[in-house]
Protein backbone atom coordinates (compact mmCIF):
# COMPACT_ATOMS: atom_id res chain seq x y z
CA UNK A 1 -53.02 97.34 178.89
CA UNK A 2 -54.43 94.42 180.86
CA UNK A 3 -54.00 94.97 184.66
CA UNK A 4 -53.21 98.65 184.23
CA UNK A 5 -55.23 101.49 185.66
CA UNK A 6 -56.58 104.04 183.19
CA UNK A 7 -55.00 106.86 185.21
CA UNK A 8 -53.06 109.69 183.59
CA UNK A 9 -50.99 111.80 185.95
CA UNK A 10 -49.39 114.11 183.49
CA UNK A 11 -47.08 114.25 180.52
CA UNK A 12 -44.09 111.95 181.07
CA UNK A 13 -45.63 110.12 184.00
CA UNK A 14 -45.62 106.36 184.13
CA UNK A 15 -48.62 104.16 184.31
CA UNK A 16 -49.62 102.68 187.65
CA UNK A 17 -51.36 99.45 188.34
CA UNK A 18 -54.38 99.59 190.49
CA UNK A 19 -52.44 97.88 193.26
CA UNK A 20 -49.70 100.49 193.08
CA UNK A 21 -52.23 103.30 193.11
CA UNK A 22 -53.97 101.87 196.15
CA UNK A 23 -50.61 101.45 197.89
CA UNK A 24 -49.77 105.06 197.23
CA UNK A 25 -53.15 106.16 198.53
CA UNK A 26 -52.81 104.09 201.68
CA UNK A 27 -49.27 105.46 202.30
CA UNK A 28 -50.27 109.11 202.01
CA UNK A 29 -51.07 109.21 205.77
CA UNK A 30 -47.51 108.13 206.61
CA UNK A 31 -46.18 110.81 204.29
CA UNK A 32 -48.20 113.40 206.13
CA UNK A 33 -46.70 112.17 209.43
CA UNK A 34 -43.20 112.47 207.94
CA UNK A 35 -44.01 116.03 206.89
CA UNK A 36 -45.13 116.88 210.45
CA UNK A 37 -41.92 115.31 211.83
CA UNK A 38 -39.86 117.41 209.40
CA UNK A 39 -41.69 120.53 210.54
CA UNK A 40 -40.93 119.64 214.19
CA UNK A 41 -37.22 119.13 213.36
CA UNK A 42 -37.17 122.56 211.80
CA UNK A 43 -39.11 124.78 214.22
CA UNK A 44 -40.49 123.00 217.32
CA UNK A 45 -40.08 125.51 220.23
CA UNK A 46 -42.52 124.33 222.93
CA UNK A 47 -39.70 123.05 225.13
CA UNK A 48 -40.16 119.35 224.19
CA UNK A 49 -37.89 117.05 222.17
CA UNK A 50 -38.79 115.94 218.59
CA UNK A 51 -41.21 112.98 218.34
CA UNK A 52 -41.16 110.75 215.23
CA UNK A 53 -44.85 110.99 214.24
CA UNK A 54 -44.70 107.79 212.18
CA UNK A 55 -43.15 105.52 214.83
CA UNK A 56 -44.16 107.54 217.94
CA UNK A 57 -40.49 107.33 219.05
CA UNK A 58 -39.03 110.20 221.14
CA UNK A 59 -35.66 111.19 219.63
CA UNK A 60 -34.63 112.99 222.90
CA UNK A 61 -33.27 115.79 220.72
CA UNK A 62 -34.54 119.32 220.17
CA UNK A 63 -35.34 121.10 216.89
CA UNK A 64 -32.79 123.11 214.94
CA UNK A 65 -34.54 126.33 215.98
CA UNK A 66 -34.45 125.30 219.67
CA UNK A 67 -30.71 124.51 219.50
CA UNK A 68 -30.18 127.80 217.70
CA UNK A 69 -32.15 130.25 219.83
CA UNK A 70 -34.29 128.37 222.36
CA UNK A 71 -34.20 128.53 226.17
CA UNK A 72 -35.05 124.87 227.08
CA UNK A 73 -32.25 122.87 225.43
CA UNK A 74 -31.27 121.03 228.62
CA UNK A 75 -27.83 121.35 230.19
CA UNK A 76 -26.05 122.40 226.99
CA UNK A 77 -27.71 125.73 226.26
CA UNK A 78 -28.62 127.13 222.84
CA UNK A 79 -26.22 128.91 220.50
CA UNK A 80 -28.03 132.19 221.22
CA UNK A 81 -27.67 131.63 224.99
CA UNK A 82 -23.93 130.92 224.65
CA UNK A 83 -23.64 134.08 222.59
CA UNK A 84 -25.81 136.50 224.67
CA UNK A 85 -26.60 134.97 228.09
CA UNK A 86 -28.39 132.14 229.94
CA UNK A 87 -32.13 131.85 230.63
CA UNK A 88 -33.95 134.45 228.54
CA UNK A 89 -30.62 135.62 227.07
CA UNK A 90 -29.63 137.60 230.19
CA UNK A 91 -25.91 138.41 230.19
CA UNK A 92 -25.47 138.02 233.97
CA UNK A 93 -27.23 134.59 234.02
CA UNK A 94 -25.07 131.44 233.69
CA UNK A 95 -25.80 129.22 230.68
CA UNK A 96 -24.92 126.01 232.54
CA UNK A 97 -23.55 125.72 236.08
CA UNK A 98 -20.89 128.41 236.48
CA UNK A 99 -20.32 128.89 232.74
CA UNK A 100 -21.46 132.17 231.13
CA UNK A 101 -21.98 133.49 227.60
CA UNK A 102 -19.33 134.87 225.29
CA UNK A 103 -20.83 138.35 225.78
CA UNK A 104 -20.41 138.05 229.58
CA UNK A 105 -16.77 136.96 229.27
CA UNK A 106 -16.16 139.74 226.74
CA UNK A 107 -17.50 142.25 229.30
CA UNK A 108 -15.30 140.66 231.98
CA UNK A 109 -12.32 140.90 229.64
CA UNK A 110 -13.02 144.63 229.23
CA UNK A 111 -13.10 144.98 233.03
CA UNK A 112 -9.87 142.99 233.22
CA UNK A 113 -8.30 145.41 230.72
CA UNK A 114 -9.33 148.27 233.00
CA UNK A 115 -7.91 146.27 235.94
CA UNK A 116 -4.61 145.86 234.08
CA UNK A 117 -4.53 149.61 233.49
CA UNK A 118 -5.10 150.13 237.23
CA UNK A 119 -2.38 147.55 237.90
CA UNK A 120 -0.03 149.59 235.71
CA UNK A 121 -0.95 152.65 237.79
CA UNK A 122 -0.23 150.66 240.98
CA UNK A 123 3.16 149.57 239.62
CA UNK A 124 3.89 153.19 238.65
CA UNK A 125 2.90 154.35 242.15
CA UNK A 126 5.07 151.59 243.59
CA UNK A 127 7.99 152.96 241.57
CA UNK A 128 7.24 156.42 242.94
CA UNK A 129 7.13 155.01 246.48
CA UNK A 130 10.48 153.29 245.90
CA UNK A 131 11.91 156.56 244.57
CA UNK A 132 10.57 158.43 247.62
CA UNK A 133 12.05 155.72 249.83
CA UNK A 134 15.42 156.35 248.19
CA UNK A 135 14.97 160.07 248.88
CA UNK A 136 14.11 159.31 252.51
CA UNK A 137 17.21 157.12 252.80
CA UNK A 138 19.30 159.91 251.26
CA UNK A 139 17.85 162.34 253.81
CA UNK A 140 18.58 159.80 256.54
CA UNK A 141 22.21 159.72 255.34
CA UNK A 142 22.26 163.52 255.49
CA UNK A 143 20.83 163.41 259.02
CA UNK A 144 23.48 160.87 260.04
CA UNK A 145 26.16 163.06 258.47
CA UNK A 146 24.83 166.03 260.43
CA UNK A 147 24.79 163.85 263.53
CA UNK A 148 28.47 163.08 262.91
CA UNK A 149 29.12 166.80 262.52
CA UNK A 150 27.25 167.45 265.78
CA UNK A 151 29.30 164.77 267.53
CA UNK A 152 32.48 166.31 266.11
CA UNK A 153 31.33 169.70 267.39
CA UNK A 154 30.48 168.06 270.71
CA UNK A 155 34.06 166.75 270.83
CA UNK A 156 35.26 170.29 270.15
CA UNK A 157 33.02 171.55 272.95
CA UNK A 158 34.40 168.87 275.27
CA UNK A 159 37.91 169.89 274.28
CA UNK A 160 36.95 173.48 275.09
CA UNK A 161 35.52 172.34 278.40
CA UNK A 162 38.75 170.50 279.13
CA UNK A 163 40.63 173.68 278.37
CA UNK A 164 38.27 175.62 280.62
CA UNK A 165 38.80 173.06 283.37
CA UNK A 166 42.56 173.36 282.90
CA UNK A 167 42.25 177.13 283.03
CA UNK A 168 40.08 176.81 286.12
CA UNK A 169 42.80 174.66 287.68
CA UNK A 170 45.32 177.34 286.79
CA UNK A 171 43.01 179.97 288.29
CA UNK A 172 42.68 177.87 291.43
CA UNK A 173 46.46 177.43 291.54
CA UNK A 174 46.90 181.16 291.01
CA UNK A 175 44.37 181.77 293.73
CA UNK A 176 46.44 179.59 296.03
CA UNK A 177 49.51 181.59 295.02
CA UNK A 178 47.62 184.82 295.69
CA UNK A 179 46.53 183.53 299.08
CA UNK A 180 50.11 182.47 299.83
CA UNK A 181 51.35 185.91 298.82
CA UNK A 182 48.57 187.44 300.89
CA UNK A 183 49.79 185.38 303.82
CA UNK A 184 53.30 186.69 303.17
CA UNK A 185 51.96 190.24 303.02
CA UNK A 186 50.05 189.66 306.22
CA UNK A 187 53.23 188.28 307.83
CA UNK A 188 55.09 191.36 306.60
CA UNK A 189 52.36 193.52 308.04
CA UNK A 190 52.62 191.67 311.32
CA UNK A 191 56.40 192.25 311.31
CA UNK A 192 55.83 195.90 310.44
CA UNK A 193 53.34 196.17 313.29
CA UNK A 194 55.79 194.48 315.66
CA UNK A 195 58.61 196.71 314.52
CA UNK A 196 56.31 199.67 314.79
CA UNK A 197 55.53 198.64 318.33
CA UNK A 198 59.26 198.45 319.06
CA UNK A 199 59.79 201.81 317.41
CA UNK A 200 56.95 203.21 319.38
CA UNK A 201 58.36 201.78 322.58
CA UNK A 202 61.74 203.29 321.82
CA UNK A 203 60.09 206.48 320.72
CA UNK A 204 58.18 206.54 323.97
CA UNK A 205 61.49 206.21 325.80
CA UNK A 206 62.96 209.03 323.74
CA UNK A 207 59.85 211.11 324.06
CA UNK A 208 59.87 210.73 327.80
CA UNK A 209 62.74 213.14 327.97
CA UNK A 210 61.43 215.44 325.31
CA UNK A 211 59.23 218.39 325.81
CA UNK A 212 55.58 218.36 324.81
CA UNK A 213 56.39 219.65 321.33
CA UNK A 214 58.74 216.75 320.65
CA UNK A 215 56.17 214.37 322.10
CA UNK A 216 53.48 215.78 319.75
CA UNK A 217 55.85 215.40 316.81
CA UNK A 218 56.41 211.73 317.67
CA UNK A 219 52.67 211.24 317.86
CA UNK A 220 52.29 212.75 314.40
CA UNK A 221 54.93 210.46 312.98
CA UNK A 222 53.34 207.40 314.58
CA UNK A 223 49.95 208.30 313.10
CA UNK A 224 51.56 208.65 309.66
CA UNK A 225 52.98 205.11 309.92
CA UNK A 226 49.54 203.74 310.83
CA UNK A 227 47.98 205.39 307.73
CA UNK A 228 50.54 203.81 305.42
CA UNK A 229 49.99 200.33 306.93
CA UNK A 230 46.19 200.58 306.55
CA UNK A 231 46.62 201.57 302.87
CA UNK A 232 48.66 198.41 302.17
CA UNK A 233 46.07 196.21 303.85
CA UNK A 234 43.24 197.84 301.81
CA UNK A 235 45.09 197.18 298.53
CA UNK A 236 45.49 193.45 299.25
CA UNK A 237 41.88 193.20 300.42
CA UNK A 238 40.60 194.83 297.19
CA UNK A 239 42.61 192.34 295.05
CA UNK A 240 41.17 189.35 296.91
CA UNK A 241 37.63 190.77 296.70
CA UNK A 242 37.95 191.12 292.90
CA UNK A 243 38.99 187.44 292.58
CA UNK A 244 36.25 186.38 294.99
CA UNK A 245 33.64 188.20 292.88
CA UNK A 246 34.67 186.30 289.66
CA UNK A 247 35.27 182.76 290.99
CA UNK A 248 32.41 181.88 293.36
CA UNK A 249 33.65 178.42 294.35
CA UNK A 250 31.52 175.21 294.71
CA UNK A 251 27.71 175.52 295.04
CA UNK A 252 24.73 173.14 294.88
CA UNK A 253 22.42 175.68 293.13
CA UNK A 254 22.78 178.50 290.59
CA UNK A 255 23.74 181.63 292.63
CA UNK A 256 21.89 184.92 292.06
CA UNK A 257 24.50 187.19 293.78
CA UNK A 258 28.27 186.97 294.33
CA UNK A 259 29.93 185.90 297.57
CA UNK A 260 29.59 189.47 298.92
CA UNK A 261 25.84 189.62 298.16
CA UNK A 262 26.43 191.97 295.19
CA UNK A 263 25.14 191.60 291.61
CA UNK A 264 26.81 188.91 289.47
CA UNK A 265 29.34 190.06 286.87
CA UNK A 266 29.57 188.69 283.28
CA UNK A 267 32.18 185.92 283.09
CA UNK A 268 31.69 184.76 286.69
CA UNK A 269 32.11 180.98 287.16
CA UNK A 270 31.34 178.34 289.77
CA UNK A 271 31.57 174.54 290.15
CA UNK A 272 28.00 173.08 290.27
CA UNK A 273 27.42 170.16 292.64
CA UNK A 274 23.64 170.24 292.11
CA UNK A 275 22.12 166.72 292.47
CA UNK A 276 20.16 165.55 289.34
CA UNK A 277 18.59 162.07 289.17
CA UNK A 278 20.43 161.06 292.33
CA UNK A 279 23.91 162.14 291.12
CA UNK A 280 25.80 165.47 291.32
CA UNK A 281 26.38 167.31 288.04
CA UNK A 282 30.01 168.24 288.75
CA UNK A 283 29.87 170.78 285.86
CA UNK A 284 31.55 174.18 285.55
CA UNK A 285 28.99 176.92 284.72
CA UNK A 286 29.55 180.39 283.26
CA UNK A 287 27.45 183.55 283.76
CA UNK A 288 26.69 185.27 280.38
CA UNK A 289 25.24 188.44 281.89
CA UNK A 290 21.67 187.11 282.28
CA UNK A 291 21.73 183.32 282.87
CA UNK A 292 24.13 180.54 283.83
CA UNK A 293 25.30 178.38 280.84
CA UNK A 294 26.20 174.68 281.15
CA UNK A 295 28.34 173.64 278.09
CA UNK A 296 28.36 169.97 279.18
CA UNK A 297 24.53 169.74 279.25
CA UNK A 298 24.19 171.61 275.90
CA UNK A 299 26.57 169.21 274.09
CA UNK A 300 24.84 166.11 275.55
CA UNK A 301 21.37 167.38 274.54
CA UNK A 302 22.52 168.10 270.94
CA UNK A 303 23.94 164.58 270.54
CA UNK A 304 20.70 163.02 271.93
CA UNK A 305 18.51 165.08 269.53
CA UNK A 306 20.62 164.07 266.50
CA UNK A 307 20.37 160.37 267.43
CA UNK A 308 16.54 160.63 267.81
CA UNK A 309 16.20 162.33 264.37
CA UNK A 310 18.29 159.59 262.74
CA UNK A 311 16.02 156.91 264.32
CA UNK A 312 12.88 158.69 262.99
CA UNK A 313 14.34 158.86 259.46
CA UNK A 314 15.18 155.13 259.57
CA UNK A 315 11.59 154.30 260.67
CA UNK A 316 10.13 156.33 257.76
CA UNK A 317 12.42 154.56 255.29
CA UNK A 318 11.29 151.13 256.61
CA UNK A 319 7.61 152.18 256.30
CA UNK A 320 8.09 153.32 252.65
CA UNK A 321 9.79 149.98 251.80
CA UNK A 322 6.86 148.02 253.35
CA UNK A 323 4.29 150.08 251.34
CA UNK A 324 6.20 149.42 248.11
CA UNK A 325 6.14 145.64 248.83
CA UNK A 326 2.34 145.78 249.47
CA UNK A 327 1.71 147.64 246.14
CA UNK A 328 3.81 145.05 244.26
CA UNK A 329 1.79 142.17 245.80
CA UNK A 330 -1.50 143.85 244.71
CA UNK A 331 -0.16 144.22 241.16
CA UNK A 332 0.69 140.48 241.06
CA UNK A 333 -2.86 139.61 242.24
CA UNK A 334 -4.41 141.85 239.53
CA UNK A 335 -2.27 140.16 236.84
CA UNK A 336 -3.36 136.68 238.06
CA UNK A 337 -7.05 137.72 237.92
CA UNK A 338 -6.57 139.05 234.38
CA UNK A 339 -5.07 135.71 233.28
CA UNK A 340 -7.98 133.79 234.85
CA UNK A 341 -10.59 136.00 233.10
CA UNK A 342 -8.85 135.50 229.72
CA UNK A 343 -8.90 131.71 230.23
CA UNK A 344 -12.63 131.78 231.08
CA UNK A 345 -13.35 133.84 227.96
CA UNK A 346 -11.57 131.18 225.87
CA UNK A 347 -13.67 128.43 227.49
CA UNK A 348 -16.90 130.35 226.75
CA UNK A 349 -15.87 130.85 223.12
CA UNK A 350 -15.17 127.11 222.77
CA UNK A 351 -18.58 126.20 224.26
CA UNK A 352 -20.34 128.69 221.98
CA UNK A 353 -18.60 127.11 218.97
CA UNK A 354 -19.69 123.63 220.14
CA UNK A 355 -23.30 124.83 220.55
CA UNK A 356 -23.25 126.42 217.10
CA UNK A 357 -21.92 123.17 215.65
CA UNK A 358 -24.83 121.30 217.33
CA UNK A 359 -27.28 123.80 215.81
CA UNK A 360 -25.75 123.33 212.35
CA UNK A 361 -25.99 119.53 212.75
CA UNK A 362 -29.66 119.84 213.74
CA UNK A 363 -30.30 122.09 210.76
CA UNK A 364 -28.65 119.52 208.47
CA UNK A 365 -30.92 116.79 209.94
CA UNK A 366 -33.90 119.06 209.32
CA UNK A 367 -32.83 119.61 205.68
CA UNK A 368 -32.43 115.87 205.17
CA UNK A 369 -35.83 115.22 206.70
CA UNK A 370 -37.25 118.00 204.53
CA UNK A 371 -35.86 116.32 201.39
CA UNK A 372 -37.45 113.01 202.42
CA UNK A 373 -40.71 114.80 203.09
CA UNK A 374 -40.59 116.48 199.68
CA UNK A 375 -40.26 113.07 197.98
CA UNK A 376 -43.09 111.76 200.05
CA UNK A 377 -45.19 114.81 199.16
CA UNK A 378 -44.64 114.15 195.42
CA UNK A 379 -45.69 110.56 195.90
CA UNK A 380 -48.73 111.68 197.85
CA UNK A 381 -49.67 114.11 195.10
CA UNK A 382 -49.41 111.35 192.49
CA UNK A 383 -51.57 109.08 194.65
CA UNK A 384 -54.13 111.80 195.01
CA UNK A 385 -54.29 112.20 191.22
CA UNK A 386 -54.78 108.44 190.74
CA UNK A 387 -57.53 108.44 193.32
CA UNK A 388 -59.33 111.25 191.49
CA UNK A 389 -58.98 109.50 188.18
CA UNK A 390 -60.31 106.22 189.58
CA UNK A 391 -63.21 108.06 191.12
CA UNK A 392 -64.08 109.53 187.72
CA UNK A 393 -63.68 106.19 185.95
CA UNK A 394 -65.88 104.35 188.39
CA UNK A 395 -68.48 106.96 187.97
């Protein structure tokens, strides 16, 4: 037992030399520093990196607890920050730069889902707009069809006007014939008057030799001839007056009375030379009993109205098509934003995984340091027992 210390640690323990015991005692301070370093690796949360207490070397790394749920882990961010939010775990605060937590991107993804639903609504509304545009185009086709019908009717009206003009020409021709016949009648009347004068002259010669009674009889007969002639003239005059009351001739304004100054009759006509926009109308107008009607102007106005309605329908169809294109563009933008948000959520998840991996690595380092510290603590305890024993032995 020479050179051995009389120290008994416990059952199964080895014997230590005095030199070994002193070495253990002198190393107990270093063990204590290792234990403090292990504690720092496990739970240091004052915002500083871990310092090796034994060598006074700064590791430039944070504790496992700081990497797990701290707020001062440099530019990387803790696992808790990547999970909940930057700074003091605020969802709206970026963890680093423009990168946010998984919770933030999850919330954005939910908003994107709502945006996609709205995009579906927009697409549905765009379909409805397209359908309405088709309806508008169909209505435009109907309007154009009606316009064609109106033009066809206008052609019919023009044909009718042509017929009226032809009839008017016939009336004018007949009027010329009537006037010619009237001239013939007047010539006949003139001949009758001349012959009557001759008869009267001869009668006067005959009557010269007659007595007063015969003379009176001749006078009676002469008066009878005059009555008959006046009756013929009145008949022709009445016929011409009737024609003159129905066809009023050419006028530059709508007449209010006939050529004799009497009230207009239904069916009366005249040729209008009224000047409109610097040019004469040259239209035939008909009196319907209350107003003058112009078939030419009515047909032209109907065709103009139909053309204007067709132009309006075409404009509405073009507007509906433009709105449908705008809705489609908005839907494409919403889809692009949804894709971008999904990509950002994936990036956040990856960063959170990397931070968690760093925390696990730090925890493993802490466990390893803890194991070393436990061995050192056992050695320190043994040294302490030797020191106590030596103190007792030395009295």
